[in-house]
Amino acid sequence: LLGAALAVEQVTAFIVRSSAPSSVDF
């Protein structure tokens, strides 16, 4: 469960980071 929580956070951050334009700072 601890590993899953860490993995889900990293995967979600990667998806958000890859979907946002590179020139915009959110």
mmCIF file of all heavy atoms, coordinates in Angstrom:
data_MODEL
# 
_entry.id   MODEL 
# 
loop_
_atom_site.group_PDB 
_atom_site.id 
_atom_site.type_symbol 
_atom_site.label_atom_id 
_atom_site.label_alt_id 
_atom_site.label_comp_id 
_atom_site.label_asym_id 
_atom_site.label_entity_id 
_atom_site.label_seq_id 
_atom_site.pdbx_PDB_ins_code 
_atom_site.Cartn_x 
_atom_site.Cartn_y 
_atom_site.Cartn_z 
_atom_site.occupancy 
_atom_site.B_iso_or_equiv 
_atom_site.pdbx_formal_charge 
_atom_site.auth_seq_id 
_atom_site.auth_comp_id 
_atom_site.auth_asym_id 
_atom_site.auth_atom_id 
_atom_site.pdbx_PDB_model_num 
ATOM 1   N N   . LEU A 1 1  ? 0.817  -1.209 0.000   1.00 0.00 ? 1  LEU A N   1 
ATOM 2   C CA  . LEU A 1 1  ? 0.000  0.000  0.000   1.00 0.00 ? 1  LEU A CA  1 
ATOM 3   C C   . LEU A 1 1  ? 0.851  1.260  0.000   1.00 0.00 ? 1  LEU A C   1 
ATOM 4   O O   . LEU A 1 1  ? 0.537  2.237  -0.691  1.00 0.00 ? 1  LEU A O   1 
ATOM 5   C CB  . LEU A 1 1  ? -0.943 -0.008 1.198   1.00 0.00 ? 1  LEU A CB  1 
ATOM 6   C CG  . LEU A 1 1  ? -2.078 -1.034 1.150   1.00 0.00 ? 1  LEU A CG  1 
ATOM 7   C CD1 . LEU A 1 1  ? -2.848 -1.028 2.460   1.00 0.00 ? 1  LEU A CD1 1 
ATOM 8   C CD2 . LEU A 1 1  ? -3.000 -0.764 -0.015  1.00 0.00 ? 1  LEU A CD2 1 
ATOM 9   N N   . LEU A 1 2  ? 1.927  1.240  0.775   1.00 0.00 ? 2  LEU A N   1 
ATOM 10  C CA  . LEU A 1 2  ? 2.829  2.404  0.779   1.00 0.00 ? 2  LEU A CA  1 
ATOM 11  C C   . LEU A 1 2  ? 3.487  2.589  -0.589  1.00 0.00 ? 2  LEU A C   1 
ATOM 12  O O   . LEU A 1 2  ? 3.582  3.706  -1.097  1.00 0.00 ? 2  LEU A O   1 
ATOM 13  C CB  . LEU A 1 2  ? 3.898  2.230  1.857   1.00 0.00 ? 2  LEU A CB  1 
ATOM 14  C CG  . LEU A 1 2  ? 3.417  2.348  3.298   1.00 0.00 ? 2  LEU A CG  1 
ATOM 15  C CD1 . LEU A 1 2  ? 4.489  1.842  4.250   1.00 0.00 ? 2  LEU A CD1 1 
ATOM 16  C CD2 . LEU A 1 2  ? 3.042  3.773  3.610   1.00 0.00 ? 2  LEU A CD2 1 
ATOM 17  N N   . GLY A 1 3  ? 3.942  1.496  -1.178  1.00 0.00 ? 3  GLY A N   1 
ATOM 18  C CA  . GLY A 1 3  ? 4.543  1.577  -2.507  1.00 0.00 ? 3  GLY A CA  1 
ATOM 19  C C   . GLY A 1 3  ? 3.547  2.031  -3.556  1.00 0.00 ? 3  GLY A C   1 
ATOM 20  O O   . GLY A 1 3  ? 3.879  2.817  -4.452  1.00 0.00 ? 3  GLY A O   1 
ATOM 21  N N   . ALA A 1 4  ? 2.308  1.567  -3.449  1.00 0.00 ? 4  ALA A N   1 
ATOM 22  C CA  . ALA A 1 4  ? 1.275  1.968  -4.402  1.00 0.00 ? 4  ALA A CA  1 
ATOM 23  C C   . ALA A 1 4  ? 0.960  3.454  -4.280  1.00 0.00 ? 4  ALA A C   1 
ATOM 24  O O   . ALA A 1 4  ? 0.766  4.140  -5.298  1.00 0.00 ? 4  ALA A O   1 
ATOM 25  C CB  . ALA A 1 4  ? 0.015  1.137  -4.194  1.00 0.00 ? 4  ALA A CB  1 
ATOM 26  N N   . ALA A 1 5  ? 0.916  3.960  -3.057  1.00 0.00 ? 5  ALA A N   1 
ATOM 27  C CA  . ALA A 1 5  ? 0.652  5.394  -2.864  1.00 0.00 ? 5  ALA A CA  1 
ATOM 28  C C   . ALA A 1 5  ? 1.747  6.238  -3.502  1.00 0.00 ? 5  ALA A C   1 
ATOM 29  O O   . ALA A 1 5  ? 1.473  7.241  -4.179  1.00 0.00 ? 5  ALA A O   1 
ATOM 30  C CB  . ALA A 1 5  ? 0.537  5.715  -1.377  1.00 0.00 ? 5  ALA A CB  1 
ATOM 31  N N   . LEU A 1 6  ? 2.985  5.822  -3.320  1.00 0.00 ? 6  LEU A N   1 
ATOM 32  C CA  . LEU A 1 6  ? 4.102  6.559  -3.925  1.00 0.00 ? 6  LEU A CA  1 
ATOM 33  C C   . LEU A 1 6  ? 4.083  6.450  -5.442  1.00 0.00 ? 6  LEU A C   1 
ATOM 34  O O   . LEU A 1 6  ? 4.343  7.422  -6.152  1.00 0.00 ? 6  LEU A O   1 
ATOM 35  C CB  . LEU A 1 6  ? 5.424  6.045  -3.366  1.00 0.00 ? 6  LEU A CB  1 
ATOM 36  C CG  . LEU A 1 6  ? 5.686  6.374  -1.902  1.00 0.00 ? 6  LEU A CG  1 
ATOM 37  C CD1 . LEU A 1 6  ? 6.859  5.572  -1.374  1.00 0.00 ? 6  LEU A CD1 1 
ATOM 38  C CD2 . LEU A 1 6  ? 5.923  7.853  -1.737  1.00 0.00 ? 6  LEU A CD2 1 
ATOM 39  N N   . ALA A 1 7  ? 3.766  5.270  -5.945  1.00 0.00 ? 7  ALA A N   1 
ATOM 40  C CA  . ALA A 1 7  ? 3.740  5.074  -7.399  1.00 0.00 ? 7  ALA A CA  1 
ATOM 41  C C   . ALA A 1 7  ? 2.608  5.855  -8.054  1.00 0.00 ? 7  ALA A C   1 
ATOM 42  O O   . ALA A 1 7  ? 2.799  6.473  -9.113  1.00 0.00 ? 7  ALA A O   1 
ATOM 43  C CB  . ALA A 1 7  ? 3.611  3.583  -7.720  1.00 0.00 ? 7  ALA A CB  1 
ATOM 44  N N   . VAL A 1 8  ? 1.435  5.846  -7.445  1.00 0.00 ? 8  VAL A N   1 
ATOM 45  C CA  . VAL A 1 8  ? 0.299  6.583  -8.008  1.00 0.00 ? 8  VAL A CA  1 
ATOM 46  C C   . VAL A 1 8  ? 0.600  8.079  -8.046  1.00 0.00 ? 8  VAL A C   1 
ATOM 47  O O   . VAL A 1 8  ? 0.270  8.765  -9.023  1.00 0.00 ? 8  VAL A O   1 
ATOM 48  C CB  . VAL A 1 8  ? -0.986 6.285  -7.206  1.00 0.00 ? 8  VAL A CB  1 
ATOM 49  C CG1 . VAL A 1 8  ? -2.087 7.272  -7.511  1.00 0.00 ? 8  VAL A CG1 1 
ATOM 50  C CG2 . VAL A 1 8  ? -1.453 4.871  -7.482  1.00 0.00 ? 8  VAL A CG2 1 
ATOM 51  N N   . GLU A 1 9  ? 1.235  8.584  -7.014  1.00 0.00 ? 9  GLU A N   1 
ATOM 52  C CA  . GLU A 1 9  ? 1.589  10.007 -7.001  1.00 0.00 ? 9  GLU A CA  1 
ATOM 53  C C   . GLU A 1 9  ? 2.554  10.343 -8.122  1.00 0.00 ? 9  GLU A C   1 
ATOM 54  O O   . GLU A 1 9  ? 2.397  11.350 -8.815  1.00 0.00 ? 9  GLU A O   1 
ATOM 55  C CB  . GLU A 1 9  ? 2.201  10.360 -5.639  1.00 0.00 ? 9  GLU A CB  1 
ATOM 56  C CG  . GLU A 1 9  ? 2.374  11.835 -5.424  1.00 0.00 ? 9  GLU A CG  1 
ATOM 57  C CD  . GLU A 1 9  ? 3.791  12.321 -5.619  1.00 0.00 ? 9  GLU A CD  1 
ATOM 58  O OE1 . GLU A 1 9  ? 4.718  11.504 -5.615  1.00 0.00 ? 9  GLU A OE1 1 
ATOM 59  O OE2 . GLU A 1 9  ? 3.963  13.540 -5.788  1.00 0.00 ? 9  GLU A OE2 1 
ATOM 60  N N   . GLN A 1 10 ? 3.543  9.504  -8.345  1.00 0.00 ? 10 GLN A N   1 
ATOM 61  C CA  . GLN A 1 10 ? 4.520  9.771  -9.397  1.00 0.00 ? 10 GLN A CA  1 
ATOM 62  C C   . GLN A 1 10 ? 3.916  9.625  -10.794 1.00 0.00 ? 10 GLN A C   1 
ATOM 63  O O   . GLN A 1 10 ? 4.211  10.421 -11.686 1.00 0.00 ? 10 GLN A O   1 
ATOM 64  C CB  . GLN A 1 10 ? 5.722  8.835  -9.240  1.00 0.00 ? 10 GLN A CB  1 
ATOM 65  C CG  . GLN A 1 10 ? 6.572  9.146  -8.036  1.00 0.00 ? 10 GLN A CG  1 
ATOM 66  C CD  . GLN A 1 10 ? 7.158  10.540 -8.106  1.00 0.00 ? 10 GLN A CD  1 
ATOM 67  O OE1 . GLN A 1 10 ? 7.741  10.934 -9.113  1.00 0.00 ? 10 GLN A OE1 1 
ATOM 68  N NE2 . GLN A 1 10 ? 6.998  11.298 -7.050  1.00 0.00 ? 10 GLN A NE2 1 
ATOM 69  N N   . VAL A 1 11 ? 3.067  8.633  -10.992 1.00 0.00 ? 11 VAL A N   1 
ATOM 70  C CA  . VAL A 1 11 ? 2.424  8.442  -12.302 1.00 0.00 ? 11 VAL A CA  1 
ATOM 71  C C   . VAL A 1 11 ? 1.490  9.601  -12.606 1.00 0.00 ? 11 VAL A C   1 
ATOM 72  O O   . VAL A 1 11 ? 1.467  10.118 -13.730 1.00 0.00 ? 11 VAL A O   1 
ATOM 73  C CB  . VAL A 1 11 ? 1.692  7.083  -12.348 1.00 0.00 ? 11 VAL A CB  1 
ATOM 74  C CG1 . VAL A 1 11 ? 0.781  6.983  -13.550 1.00 0.00 ? 11 VAL A CG1 1 
ATOM 75  C CG2 . VAL A 1 11 ? 2.688  5.945  -12.347 1.00 0.00 ? 11 VAL A CG2 1 
ATOM 76  N N   . THR A 1 12 ? 0.720  10.025 -11.607 1.00 0.00 ? 12 THR A N   1 
ATOM 77  C CA  . THR A 1 12 ? -0.183 11.159 -11.812 1.00 0.00 ? 12 THR A CA  1 
ATOM 78  C C   . THR A 1 12 ? 0.598  12.431 -12.128 1.00 0.00 ? 12 THR A C   1 
ATOM 79  O O   . THR A 1 12 ? 0.218  13.189 -13.022 1.00 0.00 ? 12 THR A O   1 
ATOM 80  C CB  . THR A 1 12 ? -1.059 11.368 -10.565 1.00 0.00 ? 12 THR A CB  1 
ATOM 81  O OG1 . THR A 1 12 ? -1.727 10.156 -10.264 1.00 0.00 ? 12 THR A OG1 1 
ATOM 82  C CG2 . THR A 1 12 ? -2.059 12.467 -10.782 1.00 0.00 ? 12 THR A CG2 1 
ATOM 83  N N   . ALA A 1 13 ? 1.678  12.662 -11.420 1.00 0.00 ? 13 ALA A N   1 
ATOM 84  C CA  . ALA A 1 13 ? 2.504  13.837 -11.696 1.00 0.00 ? 13 ALA A CA  1 
ATOM 85  C C   . ALA A 1 13 ? 3.097  13.769 -13.102 1.00 0.00 ? 13 ALA A C   1 
ATOM 86  O O   . ALA A 1 13 ? 3.163  14.784 -13.804 1.00 0.00 ? 13 ALA A O   1 
ATOM 87  C CB  . ALA A 1 13 ? 3.611  13.961 -10.664 1.00 0.00 ? 13 ALA A CB  1 
ATOM 88  N N   . PHE A 1 14 ? 3.507  12.581 -13.534 1.00 0.00 ? 14 PHE A N   1 
ATOM 89  C CA  . PHE A 1 14 ? 4.045  12.440 -14.887 1.00 0.00 ? 14 PHE A CA  1 
ATOM 90  C C   . PHE A 1 14 ? 2.982  12.727 -15.937 1.00 0.00 ? 14 PHE A C   1 
ATOM 91  O O   . PHE A 1 14 ? 3.251  13.402 -16.935 1.00 0.00 ? 14 PHE A O   1 
ATOM 92  C CB  . PHE A 1 14 ? 4.607  11.025 -15.083 1.00 0.00 ? 14 PHE A CB  1 
ATOM 93  C CG  . PHE A 1 14 ? 5.021  10.742 -16.491 1.00 0.00 ? 14 PHE A CG  1 
ATOM 94  C CD1 . PHE A 1 14 ? 6.181  11.290 -17.007 1.00 0.00 ? 14 PHE A CD1 1 
ATOM 95  C CD2 . PHE A 1 14 ? 4.237  9.955  -17.315 1.00 0.00 ? 14 PHE A CD2 1 
ATOM 96  C CE1 . PHE A 1 14 ? 6.557  11.047 -18.316 1.00 0.00 ? 14 PHE A CE1 1 
ATOM 97  C CE2 . PHE A 1 14 ? 4.600  9.702  -18.618 1.00 0.00 ? 14 PHE A CE2 1 
ATOM 98  C CZ  . PHE A 1 14 ? 5.760  10.249 -19.124 1.00 0.00 ? 14 PHE A CZ  1 
ATOM 99  N N   . ILE A 1 15 ? 1.768  12.233 -15.733 1.00 0.00 ? 15 ILE A N   1 
ATOM 100 C CA  . ILE A 1 15 ? 0.690  12.465 -16.702 1.00 0.00 ? 15 ILE A CA  1 
ATOM 101 C C   . ILE A 1 15 ? 0.357  13.946 -16.790 1.00 0.00 ? 15 ILE A C   1 
ATOM 102 O O   . ILE A 1 15 ? 0.201  14.495 -17.884 1.00 0.00 ? 15 ILE A O   1 
ATOM 103 C CB  . ILE A 1 15 ? -0.551 11.634 -16.328 1.00 0.00 ? 15 ILE A CB  1 
ATOM 104 C CG1 . ILE A 1 15 ? -0.265 10.150 -16.559 1.00 0.00 ? 15 ILE A CG1 1 
ATOM 105 C CG2 . ILE A 1 15 ? -1.762 12.067 -17.125 1.00 0.00 ? 15 ILE A CG2 1 
ATOM 106 C CD1 . ILE A 1 15 ? -1.325 9.227  -16.012 1.00 0.00 ? 15 ILE A CD1 1 
ATOM 107 N N   . VAL A 1 16 ? 0.266  14.608 -15.652 1.00 0.00 ? 16 VAL A N   1 
ATOM 108 C CA  . VAL A 1 16 ? -0.033 16.046 -15.656 1.00 0.00 ? 16 VAL A CA  1 
ATOM 109 C C   . VAL A 1 16 ? 1.105  16.821 -16.299 1.00 0.00 ? 16 VAL A C   1 
ATOM 110 O O   . VAL A 1 16 ? 0.883  17.727 -17.096 1.00 0.00 ? 16 VAL A O   1 
ATOM 111 C CB  . VAL A 1 16 ? -0.310 16.535 -14.218 1.00 0.00 ? 16 VAL A CB  1 
ATOM 112 C CG1 . VAL A 1 16 ? -0.375 18.048 -14.156 1.00 0.00 ? 16 VAL A CG1 1 
ATOM 113 C CG2 . VAL A 1 16 ? -1.587 15.931 -13.694 1.00 0.00 ? 16 VAL A CG2 1 
ATOM 114 N N   . ARG A 1 17 ? 2.344  16.453 -15.962 1.00 0.00 ? 17 ARG A N   1 
ATOM 115 C CA  . ARG A 1 17 ? 3.509  17.147 -16.518 1.00 0.00 ? 17 ARG A CA  1 
ATOM 116 C C   . ARG A 1 17 ? 3.592  16.964 -18.029 1.00 0.00 ? 17 ARG A C   1 
ATOM 117 O O   . ARG A 1 17 ? 3.935  17.884 -18.763 1.00 0.00 ? 17 ARG A O   1 
ATOM 118 C CB  . ARG A 1 17 ? 4.772  16.618 -15.856 1.00 0.00 ? 17 ARG A CB  1 
ATOM 119 C CG  . ARG A 1 17 ? 5.986  17.468 -16.058 1.00 0.00 ? 17 ARG A CG  1 
ATOM 120 C CD  . ARG A 1 17 ? 7.211  16.918 -15.338 1.00 0.00 ? 17 ARG A CD  1 
ATOM 121 N NE  . ARG A 1 17 ? 6.947  16.522 -13.957 1.00 0.00 ? 17 ARG A NE  1 
ATOM 122 C CZ  . ARG A 1 17 ? 7.035  15.265 -13.510 1.00 0.00 ? 17 ARG A CZ  1 
ATOM 123 N NH1 . ARG A 1 17 ? 7.362  14.290 -14.318 1.00 0.00 ? 17 ARG A NH1 1 
ATOM 124 N NH2 . ARG A 1 17 ? 6.792  14.988 -12.245 1.00 0.00 ? 17 ARG A NH2 1 
ATOM 125 N N   . SER A 1 18 ? 3.275  15.774 -18.524 1.00 0.00 ? 18 SER A N   1 
ATOM 126 C CA  . SER A 1 18 ? 3.386  15.527 -19.959 1.00 0.00 ? 18 SER A CA  1 
ATOM 127 C C   . SER A 1 18 ? 2.231  16.133 -20.744 1.00 0.00 ? 18 SER A C   1 
ATOM 128 O O   . SER A 1 18 ? 2.365  16.398 -21.936 1.00 0.00 ? 18 SER A O   1 
ATOM 129 C CB  . SER A 1 18 ? 3.473  14.030 -20.227 1.00 0.00 ? 18 SER A CB  1 
ATOM 130 O OG  . SER A 1 18 ? 2.271  13.392 -19.852 1.00 0.00 ? 18 SER A OG  1 
ATOM 131 N N   . SER A 1 19 ? 1.087  16.364 -20.102 1.00 0.00 ? 19 SER A N   1 
ATOM 132 C CA  . SER A 1 19 ? -0.044 16.934 -20.828 1.00 0.00 ? 19 SER A CA  1 
ATOM 133 C C   . SER A 1 19 ? -0.006 18.459 -20.881 1.00 0.00 ? 19 SER A C   1 
ATOM 134 O O   . SER A 1 19 ? -0.675 19.061 -21.709 1.00 0.00 ? 19 SER A O   1 
ATOM 135 C CB  . SER A 1 19 ? -1.355 16.483 -20.192 1.00 0.00 ? 19 SER A CB  1 
ATOM 136 O OG  . SER A 1 19 ? -1.484 17.023 -18.896 1.00 0.00 ? 19 SER A OG  1 
ATOM 137 N N   . ALA A 1 20 ? 0.752  19.079 -20.015 1.00 0.00 ? 20 ALA A N   1 
ATOM 138 C CA  . ALA A 1 20 ? 0.829  20.540 -19.990 1.00 0.00 ? 20 ALA A CA  1 
ATOM 139 C C   . ALA A 1 20 ? 1.847  21.029 -21.023 1.00 0.00 ? 20 ALA A C   1 
ATOM 140 O O   . ALA A 1 20 ? 2.844  20.366 -21.283 1.00 0.00 ? 20 ALA A O   1 
ATOM 141 C CB  . ALA A 1 20 ? 1.247  21.017 -18.605 1.00 0.00 ? 20 ALA A CB  1 
ATOM 142 N N   . PRO A 1 21 ? 1.596  22.185 -21.617 1.00 0.00 ? 21 PRO A N   1 
ATOM 143 C CA  . PRO A 1 21 ? 2.579  22.751 -22.544 1.00 0.00 ? 21 PRO A CA  1 
ATOM 144 C C   . PRO A 1 21 ? 3.885  23.080 -21.819 1.00 0.00 ? 21 PRO A C   1 
ATOM 145 O O   . PRO A 1 21 ? 3.876  23.439 -20.644 1.00 0.00 ? 21 PRO A O   1 
ATOM 146 C CB  . PRO A 1 21 ? 1.917  24.030 -23.050 1.00 0.00 ? 21 PRO A CB  1 
ATOM 147 C CG  . PRO A 1 21 ? 0.533  24.023 -22.558 1.00 0.00 ? 21 PRO A CG  1 
ATOM 148 C CD  . PRO A 1 21 ? 0.409  22.995 -21.497 1.00 0.00 ? 21 PRO A CD  1 
ATOM 149 N N   . SER A 1 22 ? 4.988  22.945 -22.515 1.00 0.00 ? 22 SER A N   1 
ATOM 150 C CA  . SER A 1 22 ? 6.290  23.130 -21.877 1.00 0.00 ? 22 SER A CA  1 
ATOM 151 C C   . SER A 1 22 ? 6.599  24.596 -21.568 1.00 0.00 ? 22 SER A C   1 
ATOM 152 O O   . SER A 1 22 ? 7.382  24.885 -20.674 1.00 0.00 ? 22 SER A O   1 
ATOM 153 C CB  . SER A 1 22 ? 7.386  22.549 -22.749 1.00 0.00 ? 22 SER A CB  1 
ATOM 154 O OG  . SER A 1 22 ? 7.402  23.219 -23.991 1.00 0.00 ? 22 SER A OG  1 
ATOM 155 N N   . SER A 1 23 ? 5.998  25.525 -22.283 1.00 0.00 ? 23 SER A N   1 
ATOM 156 C CA  . SER A 1 23 ? 6.335  26.933 -22.095 1.00 0.00 ? 23 SER A CA  1 
ATOM 157 C C   . SER A 1 23 ? 5.495  27.616 -21.018 1.00 0.00 ? 23 SER A C   1 
ATOM 158 O O   . SER A 1 23 ? 5.749  28.762 -20.680 1.00 0.00 ? 23 SER A O   1 
ATOM 159 C CB  . SER A 1 23 ? 6.153  27.681 -23.408 1.00 0.00 ? 23 SER A CB  1 
ATOM 160 O OG  . SER A 1 23 ? 4.794  27.621 -23.802 1.00 0.00 ? 23 SER A OG  1 
ATOM 161 N N   . VAL A 1 24 ? 4.525  26.920 -20.458 1.00 0.00 ? 24 VAL A N   1 
ATOM 162 C CA  . VAL A 1 24 ? 3.618  27.526 -19.493 1.00 0.00 ? 24 VAL A CA  1 
ATOM 163 C C   . VAL A 1 24 ? 3.965  27.028 -18.097 1.00 0.00 ? 24 VAL A C   1 
ATOM 164 O O   . VAL A 1 24 ? 4.221  25.854 -17.893 1.00 0.00 ? 24 VAL A O   1 
ATOM 165 C CB  . VAL A 1 24 ? 2.154  27.175 -19.837 1.00 0.00 ? 24 VAL A CB  1 
ATOM 166 C CG1 . VAL A 1 24 ? 1.212  27.774 -18.814 1.00 0.00 ? 24 VAL A CG1 1 
ATOM 167 C CG2 . VAL A 1 24 ? 1.808  27.651 -21.215 1.00 0.00 ? 24 VAL A CG2 1 
ATOM 168 N N   . ASP A 1 25 ? 3.969  27.956 -17.143 1.00 0.00 ? 25 ASP A N   1 
ATOM 169 C CA  . ASP A 1 25 ? 4.226  27.589 -15.752 1.00 0.00 ? 25 ASP A CA  1 
ATOM 170 C C   . ASP A 1 25 ? 2.911  27.640 -14.990 1.00 0.00 ? 25 ASP A C   1 
ATOM 171 O O   . ASP A 1 25 ? 2.290  28.691 -14.898 1.00 0.00 ? 25 ASP A O   1 
ATOM 172 C CB  . ASP A 1 25 ? 5.240  28.548 -15.142 1.00 0.00 ? 25 ASP A CB  1 
ATOM 173 C CG  . ASP A 1 25 ? 5.706  28.080 -13.786 1.00 0.00 ? 25 ASP A CG  1 
ATOM 174 O OD1 . ASP A 1 25 ? 5.647  26.866 -13.533 1.00 0.00 ? 25 ASP A OD1 1 
ATOM 175 O OD2 . ASP A 1 25 ? 6.112  28.928 -12.991 1.00 0.00 ? 25 ASP A OD2 1 
ATOM 176 N N   . PHE A 1 26 ? 2.474  26.507 -14.483 1.00 0.00 ? 26 PHE A N   1 
ATOM 177 C CA  . PHE A 1 26 ? 1.224  26.423 -13.749 1.00 0.00 ? 26 PHE A CA  1 
ATOM 178 C C   . PHE A 1 26 ? 1.493  26.491 -12.254 1.00 0.00 ? 26 PHE A C   1 
ATOM 179 O O   . PHE A 1 26 ? 2.510  26.031 -11.778 1.00 0.00 ? 26 PHE A O   1 
ATOM 180 C CB  . PHE A 1 26 ? 0.509  25.099 -14.053 1.00 0.00 ? 26 PHE A CB  1 
ATOM 181 C CG  . PHE A 1 26 ? -0.047 25.032 -15.436 1.00 0.00 ? 26 PHE A CG  1 
ATOM 182 C CD1 . PHE A 1 26 ? 0.691  24.491 -16.467 1.00 0.00 ? 26 PHE A CD1 1 
ATOM 183 C CD2 . PHE A 1 26 ? -1.314 25.497 -15.703 1.00 0.00 ? 26 PHE A CD2 1 
ATOM 184 C CE1 . PHE A 1 26 ? 0.179  24.415 -17.735 1.00 0.00 ? 26 PHE A CE1 1 
ATOM 185 C CE2 . PHE A 1 26 ? -1.836 25.421 -16.973 1.00 0.00 ? 26 PHE A CE2 1 
ATOM 186 C CZ  . PHE A 1 26 ? -1.098 24.888 -17.989 1.00 0.00 ? 26 PHE A CZ  1 
# 
